Structure formats: C-alpha cells, structure tokens
C-alpha cells in the first residue's frame, strides 16, 4: 500500500494522465453501449407494434359475415383491399353481391376501407347479413349470398404505423360453399 502512495506522490502528472485516459475510455464505452441499447429498443418497438391481419368468415343460419381482425399488437393501416370473382375486381364486397330483395337489408357493409385503421384486437366488418332463418325470403337470399361469397377471393394489403408494408393477406371465401 505504501508503494502505491509513493507512486502517486512521486509521479502525479502520469497518474493524472492515466486517470484521464481511463475516463475517456469509460466515456467511449458508455456511448457504444447506449447506441446498442437504443438500437435494441428500436427493434423491440418495431416488433412489439406489428399488426397481424386475419380475414374471418361467419356462416350461420341467421348470419353471414366477412370481417378483418387485427390480432397483432399494433395498429393495422389498410393500404388496399380488393375483391375478385376471377373476372371482376372491386374494392368492396357489396358490388359483387346479388340484388337485395324487398324488405331485406345488409346489417353492415363497408363500401371502401382503404386508409382505415384497425386497432389491435379489433374487427372491421366488411359485410354482414342478419335475419330470421325461418323467413323463407331471408333463407333464399342468404343462400344466394353464400353462393356469391363462395366465388370470391379477398386480398388485403396493409402496413404498420412505421410505414412498413406487411405481407399481403389473401383468402378465398370458398368456406361458404361447403356441404351443409
């Protein structure tokens, strides 16, 4: 211990220079670690705010529906939504549906969803038809709508809040043509 005290007393300028170099080295390392931590935090933020689109169908005796659900943890921003029956391409499902009979109405439909935002764990109803399954007019129209929906393919192009394009989601609605 006495040797260390003698070294400090005999060579104070060299000790000061060594302390300054050590302080500079520690400062440089702290900057590197801070930049690395910021990069990791940014990657984490990107991953933690990623939307995941699901195109869902509901086919019941009293209800038919097509919805988009955001099962991710970040907002889903719709860039483009297209519906195709193989010949025609539209930006909404209603254009490709049969004519409504007297007294039957769509419960909900979205004519154009481009530019819309779907929050996490929320749904956006594309088209929905509700009615009384014992009503013959409704049952007949419901079956027409099922047939029309079964021929469609929907495609959703979307992005996250960082303007990163997500992989497009596409789904054939042939579920509506299954055997009952």
C-alpha atoms as a PDB file:
ATOM      1  CA  UNK A   1       0.000   0.000   0.000  1.00  0.00           C
ATOM      2  CA  UNK A   2       2.892   2.340   0.812  1.00  0.00           C
ATOM      3  CA  UNK A   3       4.331   1.726  -2.677  1.00  0.00           C
ATOM      4  CA  UNK A   4       1.115   2.948  -4.256  1.00  0.00           C
ATOM      5  CA  UNK A   5       1.081   6.098  -2.145  1.00  0.00           C
ATOM      6  CA  UNK A   6       4.744   6.750  -3.013  1.00  0.00           C
ATOM      7  CA  UNK A   7       3.970   6.246  -6.729  1.00  0.00           C
ATOM      8  CA  UNK A   8       1.148   8.813  -6.551  1.00  0.00           C
ATOM      9  CA  UNK A   9       3.347  11.312  -4.683  1.00  0.00           C
ATOM     10  CA  UNK A  10       6.364  10.876  -6.994  1.00  0.00           C
ATOM     11  CA  UNK A  11       4.538  10.822 -10.385  1.00  0.00           C
ATOM     12  CA  UNK A  12       1.374  12.928 -10.066  1.00  0.00           C
ATOM     13  CA  UNK A  13       1.305  14.049 -13.736  1.00  0.00           C
ATOM     14  CA  UNK A  14       1.484  10.480 -15.051  1.00  0.00           C
ATOM     15  CA  UNK A  15      -1.258   9.378 -12.650  1.00  0.00           C
ATOM     16  CA  UNK A  16      -3.476  12.283 -13.802  1.00  0.00           C
ATOM     17  CA  UNK A  17      -2.852  11.345 -17.443  1.00  0.00           C
ATOM     18  CA  UNK A  18      -3.699   7.703 -16.724  1.00  0.00           C
ATOM     19  CA  UNK A  19      -6.933   8.730 -14.948  1.00  0.00           C
ATOM     20  CA  UNK A  20      -7.887  10.967 -17.900  1.00  0.00           C
ATOM     21  CA  UNK A  21      -7.283   8.124 -20.378  1.00  0.00           C
ATOM     22  CA  UNK A  22      -9.363   5.759 -18.234  1.00  0.00           C
ATOM     23  CA  UNK A  23     -12.176   8.344 -18.033  1.00  0.00           C
ATOM     24  CA  UNK A  24     -12.059   8.788 -21.814  1.00  0.00           C
ATOM     25  CA  UNK A  25     -12.212   5.006 -22.315  1.00  0.00           C
ATOM     26  CA  UNK A  26     -15.189   4.660 -19.962  1.00  0.00           C
ATOM     27  CA  UNK A  27     -16.996   7.521 -21.737  1.00  0.00           C
ATOM     28  CA  UNK A  28     -16.386   5.934 -25.127  1.00  0.00           C
ATOM     29  CA  UNK A  29     -17.664   2.548 -23.901  1.00  0.00           C
ATOM     30  CA  UNK A  30     -20.775   4.158 -22.407  1.00  0.00           C
ATOM     31  CA  UNK A  31     -21.559   5.800 -25.769  1.00  0.00           C
ATOM     32  CA  UNK A  32     -21.194   2.443 -27.560  1.00  0.00           C
ATOM     33  CA  UNK A  33     -23.438   0.673 -25.024  1.00  0.00           C
ATOM     34  CA  UNK A  34     -26.023   3.465 -25.227  1.00  0.00           C
ATOM     35  CA  UNK A  35     -26.175   3.264 -29.035  1.00  0.00           C
ATOM     36  CA  UNK A  36     -26.515  -0.511 -28.853  1.00  0.00           C
ATOM     37  CA  UNK A  37     -29.314  -0.240 -26.290  1.00  0.00           C
ATOM     38  CA  UNK A  38     -31.124   2.323 -28.462  1.00  0.00           C
ATOM     39  CA  UNK A  39     -30.871   0.014 -31.468  1.00  0.00           C
ATOM     40  CA  UNK A  40     -32.238  -2.922 -29.495  1.00  0.00           C
ATOM     41  CA  UNK A  41     -35.065  -0.734 -28.151  1.00  0.00           C
ATOM     42  CA  UNK A  42     -35.984   0.343 -31.683  1.00  0.00           C
ATOM     43  CA  UNK A  43     -36.040  -3.260 -32.896  1.00  0.00           C
ATOM     44  CA  UNK A  44     -38.207  -4.165 -29.911  1.00  0.00           C
ATOM     45  CA  UNK A  45     -40.598  -1.288 -30.668  1.00  0.00           C
ATOM     46  CA  UNK A  46     -40.908  -2.391 -34.301  1.00  0.00           C
ATOM     47  CA  UNK A  47     -41.669  -5.949 -33.286  1.00  0.00           C
ATOM     48  CA  UNK A  48     -43.986  -5.013 -30.458  1.00  0.00           C
ATOM     49  CA  UNK A  49     -46.161  -2.792 -32.672  1.00  0.00           C
ATOM     50  CA  UNK A  50     -46.655  -5.235 -35.529  1.00  0.00           C
ATOM     51  CA  UNK A  51     -50.211  -5.781 -36.798  1.00  0.00           C
ATOM     52  CA  UNK A  52     -51.359  -9.221 -37.940  1.00  0.00           C
ATOM     53  CA  UNK A  53     -54.362  -9.358 -40.259  1.00  0.00           C
ATOM     54  CA  UNK A  54     -56.890 -12.183 -40.288  1.00  0.00           C
ATOM     55  CA  UNK A  55     -59.799 -12.409 -42.692  1.00  0.00           C
ATOM     56  CA  UNK A  56     -62.628 -14.147 -40.864  1.00  0.00           C
ATOM     57  CA  UNK A  57     -65.896 -15.616 -42.060  1.00  0.00           C
ATOM     58  CA  UNK A  58     -69.113 -16.245 -40.183  1.00  0.00           C
ATOM     59  CA  UNK A  59     -71.632 -18.614 -41.753  1.00  0.00           C
ATOM     60  CA  UNK A  60     -74.656 -19.350 -39.614  1.00  0.00           C
ATOM     61  CA  UNK A  61     -78.314 -19.923 -40.337  1.00  0.00           C
ATOM     62  CA  UNK A  62     -79.210 -16.393 -39.251  1.00  0.00           C
ATOM     63  CA  UNK A  63     -75.961 -14.564 -40.072  1.00  0.00           C
ATOM     64  CA  UNK A  64     -73.335 -14.297 -42.799  1.00  0.00           C
ATOM     65  CA  UNK A  65     -70.293 -12.074 -42.342  1.00  0.00           C
ATOM     66  CA  UNK A  66     -66.793 -11.321 -43.573  1.00  0.00           C
ATOM     67  CA  UNK A  67     -64.564  -9.354 -41.201  1.00  0.00           C
ATOM     68  CA  UNK A  68     -60.936  -8.319 -40.870  1.00  0.00           C
ATOM     69  CA  UNK A  69     -59.452  -8.762 -37.407  1.00  0.00           C
ATOM     70  CA  UNK A  70     -56.149  -7.310 -36.248  1.00  0.00           C
ATOM     71  CA  UNK A  71     -54.676  -9.990 -33.989  1.00  0.00           C
ATOM     72  CA  UNK A  72     -51.362  -8.165 -33.656  1.00  0.00           C
ATOM     73  CA  UNK A  73     -50.333  -5.640 -31.047  1.00  0.00           C
ATOM     74  CA  UNK A  74     -50.013  -2.562 -33.257  1.00  0.00           C
ATOM     75  CA  UNK A  75     -52.479  -0.618 -35.399  1.00  0.00           C
ATOM     76  CA  UNK A  76     -53.225  -2.054 -38.850  1.00  0.00           C
ATOM     77  CA  UNK A  77     -53.377   0.584 -41.604  1.00  0.00           C
ATOM     78  CA  UNK A  78     -55.262  -0.625 -44.692  1.00  0.00           C
ATOM     79  CA  UNK A  79     -53.446   0.296 -47.903  1.00  0.00           C
ATOM     80  CA  UNK A  80     -55.585  -1.592 -50.364  1.00  0.00           C
ATOM     81  CA  UNK A  81     -58.476  -4.019 -50.240  1.00  0.00           C
ATOM     82  CA  UNK A  82     -59.592  -5.892 -53.342  1.00  0.00           C
ATOM     83  CA  UNK A  83     -62.264  -8.477 -54.007  1.00  0.00           C
ATOM     84  CA  UNK A  84     -62.220 -10.648 -57.097  1.00  0.00           C
ATOM     85  CA  UNK A  85     -64.516 -13.277 -58.542  1.00  0.00           C
ATOM     86  CA  UNK A  86     -61.988 -14.274 -61.211  1.00  0.00           C
ATOM     87  CA  UNK A  87     -63.365 -11.889 -63.817  1.00  0.00           C
ATOM     88  CA  UNK A  88     -64.179  -8.684 -61.973  1.00  0.00           C
ATOM     89  CA  UNK A  89     -62.073  -6.844 -59.405  1.00  0.00           C
ATOM     90  CA  UNK A  90     -63.683  -4.415 -56.948  1.00  0.00           C
ATOM     91  CA  UNK A  91     -62.670  -2.527 -53.804  1.00  0.00           C
ATOM     92  CA  UNK A  92     -65.654  -3.829 -51.811  1.00  0.00           C
ATOM     93  CA  UNK A  93     -67.723  -6.994 -51.452  1.00  0.00           C
ATOM     94  CA  UNK A  94     -71.165  -5.407 -51.870  1.00  0.00           C
ATOM     95  CA  UNK A  95     -70.569  -4.712 -55.579  1.00  0.00           C
ATOM     96  CA  UNK A  96     -70.327  -8.460 -56.226  1.00  0.00           C
ATOM     97  CA  UNK A  97     -73.405  -9.455 -54.234  1.00  0.00           C
ATOM     98  CA  UNK A  98     -76.877 -10.270 -55.601  1.00  0.00           C
ATOM     99  CA  UNK A  99     -79.574  -7.600 -55.670  1.00  0.00           C
ATOM    100  CA  UNK A 100     -81.329  -7.159 -52.309  1.00  0.00           C
ATOM    101  CA  UNK A 101     -84.932  -8.384 -52.265  1.00  0.00           C
ATOM    102  CA  UNK A 102     -87.702  -6.197 -50.889  1.00  0.00           C
ATOM    103  CA  UNK A 103     -87.578  -5.920 -47.085  1.00  0.00           C
ATOM    104  CA  UNK A 104     -84.076  -7.411 -46.598  1.00  0.00           C
ATOM    105  CA  UNK A 105     -81.112  -5.151 -45.898  1.00  0.00           C
ATOM    106  CA  UNK A 106     -77.431  -5.554 -45.140  1.00  0.00           C
ATOM    107  CA  UNK A 107     -76.806  -5.329 -41.416  1.00  0.00           C
ATOM    108  CA  UNK A 108     -73.410  -3.746 -42.077  1.00  0.00           C
ATOM    109  CA  UNK A 109     -71.140  -3.252 -45.048  1.00  0.00           C
ATOM    110  CA  UNK A 110     -68.038  -1.198 -45.691  1.00  0.00           C
ATOM    111  CA  UNK A 111     -68.001   0.272 -49.190  1.00  0.00           C
ATOM    112  CA  UNK A 112     -64.346   1.383 -49.131  1.00  0.00           C
ATOM    113  CA  UNK A 113     -61.857   0.601 -46.381  1.00  0.00           C
ATOM    114  CA  UNK A 114     -58.648   1.949 -47.926  1.00  0.00           C
ATOM    115  CA  UNK A 115     -56.916   4.257 -45.468  1.00  0.00           C
ATOM    116  CA  UNK A 116     -58.801   2.872 -42.472  1.00  0.00           C
ATOM    117  CA  UNK A 117     -57.049   1.942 -39.233  1.00  0.00           C
ATOM    118  CA  UNK A 118     -57.913  -1.206 -37.296  1.00  0.00           C
ATOM    119  CA  UNK A 119     -56.718  -1.061 -33.673  1.00  0.00           C
ATOM    120  CA  UNK A 120     -55.197  -4.155 -32.033  1.00  0.00           C
ATOM    121  CA  UNK A 121     -57.713  -6.887 -31.164  1.00  0.00           C
ATOM    122  CA  UNK A 122     -60.485  -5.096 -33.070  1.00  0.00           C
ATOM    123  CA  UNK A 123     -62.588  -6.077 -36.086  1.00  0.00           C
ATOM    124  CA  UNK A 124     -63.667  -4.238 -39.190  1.00  0.00           C
ATOM    125  CA  UNK A 125     -66.852  -5.679 -40.674  1.00  0.00           C
ATOM    126  CA  UNK A 126     -66.635  -5.887 -44.454  1.00  0.00           C
ATOM    127  CA  UNK A 127     -70.130  -7.253 -44.965  1.00  0.00           C
ATOM    128  CA  UNK A 128     -72.764  -8.690 -42.638  1.00  0.00           C
ATOM    129  CA  UNK A 129     -76.257 -10.046 -43.199  1.00  0.00           C
ATOM    130  CA  UNK A 130     -78.550 -10.887 -40.279  1.00  0.00           C
ATOM    131  CA  UNK A 131     -82.078 -12.184 -40.395  1.00  0.00           C
ATOM    132  CA  UNK A 132     -84.616 -14.749 -39.272  1.00  0.00           C
ATOM    133  CA  UNK A 133     -83.677 -18.159 -40.656  1.00  0.00           C
ATOM    134  CA  UNK A 134     -87.327 -19.284 -40.593  1.00  0.00           C
ATOM    135  CA  UNK A 135     -88.247 -16.461 -43.021  1.00  0.00           C
ATOM    136  CA  UNK A 136     -88.279 -18.082 -46.489  1.00  0.00           C
ATOM    137  CA  UNK A 137     -87.315 -14.858 -48.302  1.00  0.00           C
ATOM    138  CA  UNK A 138     -84.331 -14.347 -45.991  1.00  0.00           C
ATOM    139  CA  UNK A 139     -83.275 -18.018 -46.237  1.00  0.00           C
ATOM    140  CA  UNK A 140     -83.409 -17.883 -50.034  1.00  0.00           C
ATOM    141  CA  UNK A 141     -81.400 -14.647 -50.184  1.00  0.00           C
ATOM    142  CA  UNK A 142     -78.926 -15.952 -47.585  1.00  0.00           C
ATOM    143  CA  UNK A 143     -78.255 -18.965 -49.835  1.00  0.00           C
ATOM    144  CA  UNK A 144     -77.744 -16.666 -52.853  1.00  0.00           C
ATOM    145  CA  UNK A 145     -75.278 -14.607 -50.849  1.00  0.00           C
ATOM    146  CA  UNK A 146     -73.449 -17.764 -49.722  1.00  0.00           C
ATOM    147  CA  UNK A 147     -73.079 -18.824 -53.351  1.00  0.00           C
ATOM    148  CA  UNK A 148     -71.850 -15.371 -54.382  1.00  0.00           C
ATOM    149  CA  UNK A 149     -69.384 -15.199 -51.472  1.00  0.00           C
ATOM    150  CA  UNK A 150     -68.036 -18.685 -52.215  1.00  0.00           C
ATOM    151  CA  UNK A 151     -66.738 -17.472 -55.595  1.00  0.00           C
ATOM    152  CA  UNK A 152     -64.789 -14.543 -54.155  1.00  0.00           C
ATOM    153  CA  UNK A 153     -61.175 -14.044 -53.147  1.00  0.00           C
ATOM    154  CA  UNK A 154     -60.319 -11.101 -50.905  1.00  0.00           C
ATOM    155  CA  UNK A 155     -56.862  -9.538 -50.696  1.00  0.00           C
ATOM    156  CA  UNK A 156     -55.685  -7.112 -48.039  1.00  0.00           C
ATOM    157  CA  UNK A 157     -52.518  -5.044 -48.327  1.00  0.00           C
ATOM    158  CA  UNK A 158     -51.614  -3.247 -45.121  1.00  0.00           C
ATOM    159  CA  UNK A 159     -48.830  -1.590 -43.179  1.00  0.00           C
ATOM    160  CA  UNK A 160     -47.878  -0.723 -39.630  1.00  0.00           C
ATOM    161  CA  UNK A 161     -47.507   2.730 -38.075  1.00  0.00           C
ATOM    162  CA  UNK A 162     -43.840   2.824 -39.149  1.00  0.00           C
ATOM    163  CA  UNK A 163     -44.962   2.644 -42.820  1.00  0.00           C
ATOM    164  CA  UNK A 164     -43.526  -0.860 -43.144  1.00  0.00           C
ATOM    165  CA  UNK A 165     -45.517  -2.972 -45.559  1.00  0.00           C
ATOM    166  CA  UNK A 166     -46.692  -6.220 -44.088  1.00  0.00           C
ATOM    167  CA  UNK A 167     -47.103  -9.390 -46.155  1.00  0.00           C
ATOM    168  CA  UNK A 168     -50.432  -9.228 -48.016  1.00  0.00           C
ATOM    169  CA  UNK A 169     -53.238 -11.378 -46.651  1.00  0.00           C
ATOM    170  CA  UNK A 170     -55.398 -13.256 -49.124  1.00  0.00           C
ATOM    171  CA  UNK A 171     -58.293 -15.593 -48.524  1.00  0.00           C
ATOM    172  CA  UNK A 172     -60.656 -17.479 -50.768  1.00  0.00           C
ATOM    173  CA  UNK A 173     -64.162 -17.420 -49.387  1.00  0.00           C
ATOM    174  CA  UNK A 174     -64.934 -20.944 -50.596  1.00  0.00           C
ATOM    175  CA  UNK A 175     -65.887 -21.783 -46.990  1.00  0.00           C
ATOM    176  CA  UNK A 176     -69.365 -20.536 -47.857  1.00  0.00           C
ATOM    177  CA  UNK A 177     -69.740 -23.327 -50.472  1.00  0.00           C
ATOM    178  CA  UNK A 178     -69.089 -26.223 -48.097  1.00  0.00           C
ATOM    179  CA  UNK A 179     -71.612 -29.021 -47.679  1.00  0.00           C
ATOM    180  CA  UNK A 180     -74.256 -28.380 -45.077  1.00  0.00           C
END
